[in-house]
N, C-alpha and C. Protein backbone atom coordinates (compact mmCIF):
# COMPACT_ATOMS: atom_id res chain seq x y z
N MET A 1 -13.32 -142.88 24.43
CA MET A 1 -12.27 -143.84 24.12
C MET A 1 -11.11 -143.14 23.41
N LEU A 2 -11.44 -142.32 22.43
CA LEU A 2 -10.42 -141.60 21.70
C LEU A 2 -9.67 -140.64 22.63
N ALA A 3 -10.41 -139.98 23.52
CA ALA A 3 -9.79 -139.04 24.44
C ALA A 3 -8.83 -139.75 25.40
N ILE A 4 -9.19 -140.95 25.83
CA ILE A 4 -8.31 -141.72 26.71
C ILE A 4 -7.00 -142.03 26.00
N GLY A 5 -7.10 -142.45 24.74
CA GLY A 5 -5.90 -142.75 23.96
C GLY A 5 -5.00 -141.54 23.78
N VAL A 6 -5.60 -140.40 23.47
CA VAL A 6 -4.82 -139.17 23.28
C VAL A 6 -4.16 -138.75 24.59
N LEU A 7 -4.88 -138.89 25.70
CA LEU A 7 -4.31 -138.56 27.01
C LEU A 7 -3.12 -139.46 27.33
N ILE A 8 -3.25 -140.75 27.05
CA ILE A 8 -2.15 -141.69 27.31
C ILE A 8 -0.94 -141.36 26.44
N ILE A 9 -1.18 -141.03 25.17
CA ILE A 9 -0.08 -140.63 24.28
C ILE A 9 0.60 -139.37 24.81
N GLY A 10 -0.19 -138.43 25.32
CA GLY A 10 0.38 -137.19 25.87
C GLY A 10 1.27 -137.47 27.07
N VAL A 11 0.82 -138.33 27.97
CA VAL A 11 1.63 -138.67 29.15
C VAL A 11 2.91 -139.39 28.71
N GLY A 12 2.78 -140.30 27.74
CA GLY A 12 3.97 -141.00 27.25
C GLY A 12 4.97 -140.06 26.59
N SER A 13 4.47 -139.12 25.80
CA SER A 13 5.36 -138.15 25.15
C SER A 13 6.06 -137.28 26.19
N PHE A 14 5.32 -136.87 27.21
CA PHE A 14 5.90 -136.10 28.30
C PHE A 14 7.01 -136.89 28.97
N GLY A 15 6.78 -138.20 29.17
CA GLY A 15 7.78 -139.04 29.81
C GLY A 15 9.03 -139.24 28.98
N VAL A 16 8.87 -139.29 27.66
CA VAL A 16 10.05 -139.42 26.80
C VAL A 16 10.86 -138.14 26.82
N LEU A 17 10.18 -137.00 26.80
CA LEU A 17 10.88 -135.72 26.75
C LEU A 17 11.40 -135.26 28.11
N MET A 18 10.66 -135.56 29.18
CA MET A 18 11.03 -135.09 30.52
C MET A 18 10.89 -136.23 31.54
N PRO A 19 11.76 -137.23 31.47
CA PRO A 19 11.59 -138.42 32.33
C PRO A 19 11.76 -138.13 33.82
N VAL A 20 12.63 -137.20 34.19
CA VAL A 20 12.84 -136.91 35.61
C VAL A 20 11.59 -136.26 36.20
N THR A 21 10.98 -135.36 35.46
CA THR A 21 9.75 -134.70 35.92
C THR A 21 8.62 -135.72 36.04
N LEU A 22 8.50 -136.61 35.06
CA LEU A 22 7.46 -137.64 35.14
C LEU A 22 7.69 -138.55 36.33
N ARG A 23 8.93 -138.89 36.60
CA ARG A 23 9.25 -139.73 37.76
C ARG A 23 8.82 -139.04 39.05
N ARG A 24 9.06 -137.73 39.15
CA ARG A 24 8.64 -136.96 40.31
C ARG A 24 7.12 -136.92 40.43
N LEU A 25 6.43 -136.75 39.32
CA LEU A 25 4.97 -136.74 39.33
C LEU A 25 4.39 -138.09 39.73
N LEU A 26 5.02 -139.17 39.27
CA LEU A 26 4.57 -140.51 39.66
C LEU A 26 4.70 -140.71 41.16
N ALA A 27 5.81 -140.27 41.72
CA ALA A 27 6.01 -140.41 43.16
C ALA A 27 4.99 -139.56 43.92
N ALA A 28 4.70 -138.36 43.43
CA ALA A 28 3.73 -137.49 44.10
C ALA A 28 2.32 -138.07 44.02
N ARG A 29 2.02 -138.75 42.94
CA ARG A 29 0.68 -139.34 42.77
C ARG A 29 0.43 -140.47 43.75
N MET A 30 1.47 -141.06 44.27
CA MET A 30 1.33 -142.20 45.17
C MET A 30 1.32 -141.78 46.64
N GLN A 31 1.14 -140.49 46.93
CA GLN A 31 1.00 -140.02 48.30
C GLN A 31 -0.29 -140.57 48.90
N PRO A 32 -0.34 -140.83 50.19
CA PRO A 32 -1.55 -141.39 50.80
C PRO A 32 -2.82 -140.59 50.53
N ARG A 33 -2.72 -139.26 50.48
CA ARG A 33 -3.92 -138.45 50.24
C ARG A 33 -4.41 -138.55 48.79
N MET A 34 -3.55 -139.00 47.89
CA MET A 34 -3.92 -139.12 46.48
C MET A 34 -4.49 -140.49 46.14
N LEU A 35 -4.31 -141.47 47.00
CA LEU A 35 -4.72 -142.84 46.68
C LEU A 35 -6.22 -142.99 46.42
N PRO A 36 -7.11 -142.35 47.18
CA PRO A 36 -8.53 -142.47 46.83
C PRO A 36 -8.84 -141.89 45.44
N ARG A 37 -8.20 -140.79 45.09
CA ARG A 37 -8.40 -140.21 43.76
C ARG A 37 -7.86 -141.13 42.67
N LEU A 38 -6.72 -141.74 42.94
CA LEU A 38 -6.13 -142.68 41.99
C LEU A 38 -7.04 -143.88 41.80
N LEU A 39 -7.60 -144.39 42.87
CA LEU A 39 -8.52 -145.52 42.80
C LEU A 39 -9.75 -145.16 41.96
N ILE A 40 -10.33 -144.01 42.22
CA ILE A 40 -11.53 -143.58 41.47
C ILE A 40 -11.19 -143.37 40.00
N ALA A 41 -10.07 -142.74 39.71
CA ALA A 41 -9.69 -142.50 38.32
C ALA A 41 -9.48 -143.81 37.57
N ARG A 42 -8.82 -144.77 38.19
CA ARG A 42 -8.61 -146.07 37.54
C ARG A 42 -9.93 -146.80 37.33
N LEU A 43 -10.81 -146.73 38.32
CA LEU A 43 -12.12 -147.37 38.15
C LEU A 43 -12.90 -146.74 37.00
N LEU A 44 -12.87 -145.41 36.91
CA LEU A 44 -13.60 -144.73 35.85
C LEU A 44 -13.03 -145.05 34.46
N VAL A 45 -11.72 -144.98 34.34
CA VAL A 45 -11.09 -145.25 33.04
C VAL A 45 -11.30 -146.72 32.64
N GLY A 46 -11.08 -147.63 33.56
CA GLY A 46 -11.27 -149.04 33.26
C GLY A 46 -12.71 -149.36 32.90
N SER A 47 -13.65 -148.80 33.64
CA SER A 47 -15.07 -149.02 33.34
C SER A 47 -15.45 -148.42 32.00
N ALA A 48 -14.91 -147.23 31.69
CA ALA A 48 -15.19 -146.61 30.40
C ALA A 48 -14.68 -147.48 29.25
N LEU A 49 -13.52 -148.08 29.43
CA LEU A 49 -12.99 -148.95 28.38
C LEU A 49 -13.85 -150.20 28.21
N VAL A 50 -14.28 -150.78 29.32
CA VAL A 50 -15.12 -151.99 29.24
C VAL A 50 -16.44 -151.66 28.55
N VAL A 51 -17.05 -150.54 28.91
CA VAL A 51 -18.34 -150.16 28.33
C VAL A 51 -18.19 -149.81 26.84
N ALA A 52 -17.12 -149.10 26.49
CA ALA A 52 -16.93 -148.66 25.11
C ALA A 52 -16.33 -149.73 24.21
N ALA A 53 -15.97 -150.86 24.75
CA ALA A 53 -15.27 -151.89 23.98
C ALA A 53 -16.08 -152.36 22.77
N GLY A 54 -17.38 -152.45 22.90
CA GLY A 54 -18.20 -152.92 21.80
C GLY A 54 -18.18 -152.03 20.58
N GLU A 55 -17.81 -150.78 20.75
CA GLU A 55 -17.79 -149.81 19.65
C GLU A 55 -16.43 -149.75 18.94
N THR A 56 -15.48 -150.56 19.36
CA THR A 56 -14.12 -150.46 18.83
C THR A 56 -13.85 -151.56 17.81
N LYS A 57 -12.70 -151.46 17.16
CA LYS A 57 -12.27 -152.47 16.19
C LYS A 57 -11.83 -153.76 16.88
N PHE A 58 -11.39 -153.67 18.11
CA PHE A 58 -10.88 -154.81 18.86
C PHE A 58 -11.58 -154.90 20.22
N PRO A 59 -12.86 -155.28 20.23
CA PRO A 59 -13.61 -155.23 21.49
C PRO A 59 -13.04 -156.15 22.58
N GLY A 60 -12.57 -157.31 22.21
CA GLY A 60 -12.02 -158.23 23.21
C GLY A 60 -10.79 -157.67 23.88
N ALA A 61 -9.87 -157.13 23.10
CA ALA A 61 -8.62 -156.58 23.66
C ALA A 61 -8.90 -155.36 24.53
N VAL A 62 -9.80 -154.50 24.08
CA VAL A 62 -10.11 -153.30 24.86
C VAL A 62 -10.81 -153.67 26.15
N ARG A 63 -11.70 -154.65 26.09
CA ARG A 63 -12.41 -155.11 27.28
C ARG A 63 -11.42 -155.69 28.30
N VAL A 64 -10.46 -156.47 27.82
CA VAL A 64 -9.45 -157.05 28.72
C VAL A 64 -8.59 -155.96 29.35
N MET A 65 -8.17 -154.97 28.55
CA MET A 65 -7.36 -153.88 29.08
C MET A 65 -8.14 -153.09 30.13
N GLY A 66 -9.41 -152.86 29.87
CA GLY A 66 -10.26 -152.18 30.86
C GLY A 66 -10.37 -152.99 32.14
N GLY A 67 -10.52 -154.30 32.00
CA GLY A 67 -10.59 -155.17 33.17
C GLY A 67 -9.30 -155.16 33.97
N VAL A 68 -8.18 -155.11 33.28
CA VAL A 68 -6.88 -155.05 33.97
C VAL A 68 -6.77 -153.74 34.76
N ILE A 69 -7.24 -152.65 34.19
CA ILE A 69 -7.18 -151.36 34.88
C ILE A 69 -8.09 -151.37 36.11
N VAL A 70 -9.29 -151.96 35.99
CA VAL A 70 -10.19 -152.07 37.13
C VAL A 70 -9.56 -152.96 38.21
N ALA A 71 -8.92 -154.05 37.80
CA ALA A 71 -8.26 -154.92 38.78
C ALA A 71 -7.11 -154.19 39.47
N ALA A 72 -6.38 -153.35 38.73
CA ALA A 72 -5.30 -152.56 39.35
C ALA A 72 -5.87 -151.60 40.38
N ALA A 73 -7.04 -151.04 40.09
CA ALA A 73 -7.69 -150.16 41.06
C ALA A 73 -8.08 -150.93 42.31
N ALA A 74 -8.59 -152.12 42.12
CA ALA A 74 -9.02 -152.93 43.26
C ALA A 74 -7.83 -153.36 44.13
N MET A 75 -6.65 -153.42 43.56
CA MET A 75 -5.47 -153.84 44.31
C MET A 75 -4.90 -152.74 45.21
N ILE A 76 -5.29 -151.49 44.99
CA ILE A 76 -4.73 -150.39 45.79
C ILE A 76 -4.99 -150.60 47.28
N PRO A 77 -6.24 -150.88 47.70
CA PRO A 77 -6.44 -151.11 49.15
C PRO A 77 -5.79 -152.40 49.64
N VAL A 78 -5.68 -153.39 48.77
CA VAL A 78 -5.10 -154.67 49.16
C VAL A 78 -3.60 -154.53 49.42
N ILE A 79 -2.93 -153.76 48.59
CA ILE A 79 -1.48 -153.58 48.72
C ILE A 79 -1.13 -152.91 50.04
N GLY A 80 -1.86 -151.88 50.40
CA GLY A 80 -1.64 -151.20 51.68
C GLY A 80 -0.68 -150.03 51.58
N LEU A 81 -0.78 -149.15 52.56
CA LEU A 81 0.00 -147.92 52.56
C LEU A 81 1.50 -148.15 52.70
N ALA A 82 1.90 -149.15 53.49
CA ALA A 82 3.34 -149.39 53.70
C ALA A 82 4.02 -149.80 52.40
N ARG A 83 3.41 -150.70 51.66
CA ARG A 83 4.02 -151.14 50.39
C ARG A 83 3.98 -150.04 49.35
N ILE A 84 2.89 -149.28 49.34
CA ILE A 84 2.81 -148.17 48.38
C ILE A 84 3.87 -147.12 48.70
N ALA A 85 4.11 -146.86 49.99
CA ALA A 85 5.17 -145.91 50.38
C ALA A 85 6.54 -146.43 49.94
N ALA A 86 6.76 -147.72 50.06
CA ALA A 86 8.04 -148.30 49.61
C ALA A 86 8.18 -148.18 48.09
N MET A 87 7.10 -148.41 47.36
CA MET A 87 7.14 -148.25 45.90
C MET A 87 7.40 -146.79 45.52
N ARG A 88 6.77 -145.86 46.24
CA ARG A 88 6.96 -144.44 45.98
C ARG A 88 8.43 -144.06 46.17
N GLU A 89 9.03 -144.56 47.24
CA GLU A 89 10.44 -144.28 47.52
C GLU A 89 11.34 -144.85 46.43
N ARG A 90 11.04 -146.07 46.00
CA ARG A 90 11.82 -146.71 44.94
C ARG A 90 11.71 -145.93 43.63
N ILE A 91 10.50 -145.47 43.31
CA ILE A 91 10.30 -144.72 42.07
C ILE A 91 11.03 -143.38 42.13
N SER A 92 10.90 -142.67 43.24
CA SER A 92 11.45 -141.31 43.30
C SER A 92 12.97 -141.29 43.39
N THR A 93 13.59 -142.33 43.91
CA THR A 93 15.04 -142.29 44.08
C THR A 93 15.81 -143.26 43.19
N GLY A 94 15.24 -144.43 42.94
CA GLY A 94 16.05 -145.45 42.29
C GLY A 94 15.66 -145.84 40.88
N LEU A 95 14.65 -145.21 40.32
CA LEU A 95 14.20 -145.60 38.98
C LEU A 95 15.04 -144.88 37.94
N PRO A 96 15.83 -145.62 37.16
CA PRO A 96 16.69 -144.97 36.16
C PRO A 96 15.86 -144.27 35.07
N VAL A 97 16.44 -143.22 34.53
CA VAL A 97 15.78 -142.43 33.50
C VAL A 97 15.46 -143.29 32.28
N GLY A 98 16.33 -144.22 31.95
CA GLY A 98 16.10 -145.09 30.80
C GLY A 98 14.85 -145.94 30.97
N ILE A 99 14.61 -146.44 32.17
CA ILE A 99 13.41 -147.23 32.45
C ILE A 99 12.16 -146.37 32.30
N VAL A 100 12.24 -145.12 32.77
CA VAL A 100 11.10 -144.21 32.63
C VAL A 100 10.80 -143.97 31.15
N ARG A 101 11.83 -143.78 30.35
CA ARG A 101 11.63 -143.55 28.92
C ARG A 101 11.05 -144.79 28.23
N VAL A 102 11.51 -145.96 28.59
CA VAL A 102 10.95 -147.19 28.00
C VAL A 102 9.48 -147.33 28.38
N GLY A 103 9.16 -147.07 29.63
CA GLY A 103 7.77 -147.10 30.06
C GLY A 103 6.93 -146.07 29.32
N ALA A 104 7.49 -144.89 29.09
CA ALA A 104 6.79 -143.85 28.36
C ALA A 104 6.55 -144.26 26.91
N LEU A 105 7.52 -144.93 26.30
CA LEU A 105 7.32 -145.44 24.93
C LEU A 105 6.22 -146.49 24.90
N PHE A 106 6.16 -147.32 25.93
CA PHE A 106 5.08 -148.30 26.04
C PHE A 106 3.73 -147.58 26.11
N LEU A 107 3.65 -146.50 26.90
CA LEU A 107 2.41 -145.73 26.99
C LEU A 107 2.01 -145.15 25.64
N ILE A 108 2.97 -144.66 24.88
CA ILE A 108 2.67 -144.14 23.55
C ILE A 108 2.08 -145.25 22.68
N GLY A 109 2.63 -146.45 22.77
CA GLY A 109 2.10 -147.58 22.01
C GLY A 109 0.68 -147.95 22.43
N VAL A 110 0.42 -148.00 23.73
CA VAL A 110 -0.91 -148.33 24.22
C VAL A 110 -1.91 -147.26 23.81
N GLY A 111 -1.53 -145.99 23.97
CA GLY A 111 -2.41 -144.90 23.57
C GLY A 111 -2.70 -144.93 22.09
N SER A 112 -1.68 -145.22 21.29
CA SER A 112 -1.88 -145.33 19.84
C SER A 112 -2.82 -146.47 19.49
N PHE A 113 -2.72 -147.57 20.21
CA PHE A 113 -3.65 -148.68 20.00
C PHE A 113 -5.08 -148.25 20.28
N PHE A 114 -5.29 -147.54 21.40
CA PHE A 114 -6.63 -147.07 21.74
C PHE A 114 -7.19 -146.12 20.69
N VAL A 115 -6.33 -145.21 20.20
CA VAL A 115 -6.78 -144.27 19.17
C VAL A 115 -7.15 -145.04 17.90
N TYR A 116 -6.32 -145.97 17.49
CA TYR A 116 -6.60 -146.76 16.29
C TYR A 116 -7.87 -147.61 16.47
N ALA A 117 -8.03 -148.21 17.63
CA ALA A 117 -9.19 -149.04 17.88
C ALA A 117 -10.48 -148.22 17.90
N ALA A 118 -10.39 -146.95 18.30
CA ALA A 118 -11.58 -146.12 18.40
C ALA A 118 -11.99 -145.52 17.04
N MET A 119 -11.07 -145.45 16.12
CA MET A 119 -11.38 -144.81 14.83
C MET A 119 -12.08 -145.74 13.88
């Protein structure tokens, strides 16, 4: 749980400092060959949060966040390759740097919550 929070904080910090690079990495992650890996990673992280929720300061909130991540993983096959390709194109070309930085700040907040909840 603590490691997940630190990883999220790291990604958020990277996004604040280098938003264009993070935007490029996000678009690359949404390639069709990466989608099965993305699905498995989301399932693992979400399941880990649900299982570890009882050991945290805020078990209900952590359990809900884990469930949301698992639901996001389940939506990958439902959304389909055409819509994911359209989202990838929108992210790589039209996502303003300011939006990336705001999203990265949100990630820092979520990661900080996980670290605090795990301690």
